[in-house]
Each structure stands twice: as C-alpha cells, then as structure tokens.
N, C-alpha and C. Protein backbone atom coordinates (compact mmCIF):
# COMPACT_ATOMS: atom_id res chain seq x y z
N MET A 1 -48.12 8.04 -63.51
CA MET A 1 -47.13 7.00 -63.24
C MET A 1 -46.26 6.75 -64.48
N LEU A 2 -46.91 6.61 -65.62
CA LEU A 2 -46.17 6.36 -66.85
C LEU A 2 -45.27 7.55 -67.20
N ALA A 3 -45.76 8.75 -66.94
CA ALA A 3 -44.96 9.94 -67.22
C ALA A 3 -43.70 9.97 -66.36
N THR A 4 -43.81 9.54 -65.11
CA THR A 4 -42.65 9.51 -64.22
C THR A 4 -41.63 8.49 -64.71
N ILE A 5 -42.10 7.34 -65.11
CA ILE A 5 -41.20 6.30 -65.62
C ILE A 5 -40.49 6.78 -66.88
N LEU A 6 -41.24 7.40 -67.77
CA LEU A 6 -40.63 7.91 -69.01
C LEU A 6 -39.62 9.02 -68.71
N ARG A 7 -39.92 9.85 -67.73
CA ARG A 7 -39.00 10.93 -67.36
C ARG A 7 -37.68 10.33 -66.85
N TYR A 8 -37.77 9.31 -66.00
CA TYR A 8 -36.56 8.67 -65.49
C TYR A 8 -35.79 7.97 -66.60
N LEU A 9 -36.48 7.30 -67.49
CA LEU A 9 -35.80 6.63 -68.61
C LEU A 9 -35.10 7.65 -69.50
N PHE A 10 -35.75 8.78 -69.75
CA PHE A 10 -35.14 9.83 -70.56
C PHE A 10 -33.90 10.39 -69.86
N ALA A 11 -33.97 10.57 -68.55
CA ALA A 11 -32.83 11.10 -67.80
C ALA A 11 -31.66 10.12 -67.85
N ILE A 12 -31.95 8.84 -67.68
CA ILE A 12 -30.89 7.82 -67.72
C ILE A 12 -30.27 7.76 -69.12
N ALA A 13 -31.11 7.80 -70.15
CA ALA A 13 -30.59 7.77 -71.52
C ALA A 13 -29.72 9.01 -71.79
N GLY A 14 -30.12 10.15 -71.27
CA GLY A 14 -29.32 11.36 -71.44
C GLY A 14 -27.97 11.26 -70.77
N MET A 15 -27.95 10.72 -69.55
CA MET A 15 -26.68 10.55 -68.84
C MET A 15 -25.78 9.57 -69.58
N ALA A 16 -26.36 8.50 -70.11
CA ALA A 16 -25.57 7.53 -70.88
C ALA A 16 -24.99 8.17 -72.14
N ALA A 17 -25.76 9.01 -72.79
CA ALA A 17 -25.27 9.68 -74.00
C ALA A 17 -24.12 10.61 -73.68
N VAL A 18 -24.23 11.36 -72.60
CA VAL A 18 -23.15 12.26 -72.19
C VAL A 18 -21.90 11.46 -71.85
N ALA A 19 -22.06 10.36 -71.11
CA ALA A 19 -20.92 9.53 -70.74
C ALA A 19 -20.23 8.96 -71.98
N TYR A 20 -21.01 8.55 -72.97
CA TYR A 20 -20.44 8.01 -74.20
C TYR A 20 -19.62 9.06 -74.95
N VAL A 21 -20.16 10.27 -75.04
CA VAL A 21 -19.45 11.34 -75.74
C VAL A 21 -18.14 11.67 -75.02
N VAL A 22 -18.18 11.76 -73.70
CA VAL A 22 -16.96 12.05 -72.93
C VAL A 22 -15.94 10.93 -73.12
N TRP A 23 -16.40 9.68 -73.10
CA TRP A 23 -15.51 8.53 -73.28
C TRP A 23 -14.83 8.59 -74.65
N LYS A 24 -15.59 8.93 -75.69
CA LYS A 24 -15.01 9.02 -77.03
C LYS A 24 -13.99 10.16 -77.12
N VAL A 25 -14.29 11.29 -76.50
CA VAL A 25 -13.37 12.43 -76.53
C VAL A 25 -12.06 12.08 -75.82
N VAL A 26 -12.16 11.44 -74.67
CA VAL A 26 -10.95 11.07 -73.92
C VAL A 26 -10.15 10.04 -74.71
N ASN A 27 -10.80 9.07 -75.31
CA ASN A 27 -10.08 8.08 -76.12
C ASN A 27 -9.37 8.73 -77.30
N ARG A 28 -10.02 9.70 -77.93
CA ARG A 28 -9.39 10.40 -79.06
C ARG A 28 -8.18 11.18 -78.58
N GLN A 29 -8.30 11.82 -77.41
CA GLN A 29 -7.18 12.60 -76.88
C GLN A 29 -6.02 11.67 -76.50
N GLU A 30 -6.35 10.51 -75.91
CA GLU A 30 -5.30 9.56 -75.55
C GLU A 30 -4.53 9.10 -76.78
N ALA A 31 -5.23 8.84 -77.86
CA ALA A 31 -4.59 8.34 -79.08
C ALA A 31 -3.65 9.37 -79.70
N LYS A 32 -3.96 10.64 -79.54
CA LYS A 32 -3.16 11.69 -80.16
C LYS A 32 -2.04 12.21 -79.28
N ASP A 33 -2.13 12.02 -77.96
CA ASP A 33 -1.22 12.71 -77.04
C ASP A 33 -0.54 11.71 -76.12
N ALA A 34 0.73 11.42 -76.39
CA ALA A 34 1.48 10.47 -75.58
C ALA A 34 1.68 10.99 -74.16
N ALA A 35 1.86 12.30 -73.99
CA ALA A 35 2.06 12.87 -72.65
C ALA A 35 0.80 12.70 -71.81
N PHE A 36 -0.38 12.87 -72.42
CA PHE A 36 -1.63 12.67 -71.70
C PHE A 36 -1.77 11.22 -71.26
N GLN A 37 -1.41 10.30 -72.16
CA GLN A 37 -1.48 8.88 -71.81
C GLN A 37 -0.54 8.56 -70.66
N LYS A 38 0.66 9.15 -70.65
CA LYS A 38 1.59 8.92 -69.56
C LYS A 38 1.03 9.44 -68.24
N LYS A 39 0.37 10.61 -68.27
CA LYS A 39 -0.25 11.14 -67.05
C LYS A 39 -1.32 10.19 -66.52
N LEU A 40 -2.11 9.61 -67.43
CA LEU A 40 -3.14 8.67 -67.01
C LEU A 40 -2.51 7.40 -66.42
N ASP A 41 -1.45 6.91 -67.06
CA ASP A 41 -0.78 5.72 -66.55
C ASP A 41 -0.16 5.97 -65.18
N ASP A 42 0.47 7.14 -65.01
CA ASP A 42 1.05 7.50 -63.71
C ASP A 42 -0.04 7.58 -62.64
N ASP A 43 -1.18 8.14 -62.99
CA ASP A 43 -2.29 8.24 -62.05
C ASP A 43 -2.80 6.85 -61.67
N ASP A 44 -2.86 5.94 -62.64
CA ASP A 44 -3.27 4.57 -62.35
C ASP A 44 -2.30 3.90 -61.39
N GLU A 45 -1.01 4.12 -61.58
CA GLU A 45 -0.01 3.54 -60.69
C GLU A 45 -0.15 4.09 -59.27
N ARG A 46 -0.35 5.41 -59.15
CA ARG A 46 -0.55 6.01 -57.82
C ARG A 46 -1.80 5.45 -57.14
N ALA A 47 -2.85 5.27 -57.90
CA ALA A 47 -4.09 4.74 -57.33
C ALA A 47 -3.90 3.28 -56.89
N ALA A 48 -3.12 2.53 -57.63
CA ALA A 48 -2.89 1.13 -57.27
C ALA A 48 -2.08 1.02 -55.98
N LYS A 49 -1.18 1.97 -55.74
CA LYS A 49 -0.38 1.95 -54.52
C LYS A 49 -1.20 2.31 -53.30
N GLY A 50 -2.23 3.09 -53.47
CA GLY A 50 -3.04 3.51 -52.34
C GLY A 50 -2.48 4.78 -51.72
N ARG A 51 -3.17 5.29 -50.74
CA ARG A 51 -2.80 6.57 -50.14
C ARG A 51 -1.48 6.50 -49.38
N PHE A 52 -1.22 5.38 -48.73
CA PHE A 52 -0.04 5.26 -47.87
C PHE A 52 0.98 4.26 -48.42
N GLY A 53 1.00 4.09 -49.73
CA GLY A 53 1.96 3.19 -50.34
C GLY A 53 1.34 1.84 -50.58
N PRO A 54 2.12 0.92 -51.11
CA PRO A 54 1.58 -0.41 -51.43
C PRO A 54 1.21 -1.16 -50.16
N PRO A 55 0.27 -2.08 -50.25
CA PRO A 55 -0.13 -2.85 -49.07
C PRO A 55 1.00 -3.78 -48.62
N PRO A 56 1.09 -4.08 -47.33
CA PRO A 56 2.15 -4.97 -46.84
C PRO A 56 1.94 -6.38 -47.38
N LYS A 57 3.05 -7.07 -47.58
CA LYS A 57 2.98 -8.45 -48.09
C LYS A 57 3.16 -9.46 -47.00
C-alpha cells in the first residue's frame, strides 16, 4: 500500500517538474520573441471569440 502511494506521489512530482520546465521555457521564448508573443495573443483572442464568433449580446 505504501509503495503504491509513493509511486503515485513520485509520478505527480515528475509531472509537476516537467510542467514547470515547459512553463519556464515558454516564458523565456515569449520574452525574447515579439512575433511569438503576438501569435499567443492572437490565439487568445480567437479562443475568447469562440468557434462561431462572439456570443450574442
């Protein structure tokens, strides 16, 4: 039982470490590349509009 719990905790810690490294790499790339940041901003705008345009008011 304890071995299973430790295995799951190790797996979760590993996933968190990978996520942190990816987050740092993306932040570093954003800081250096204005075109990359614009692509991310454009993607955020498209996502906010939704698939079929902005919601009706």
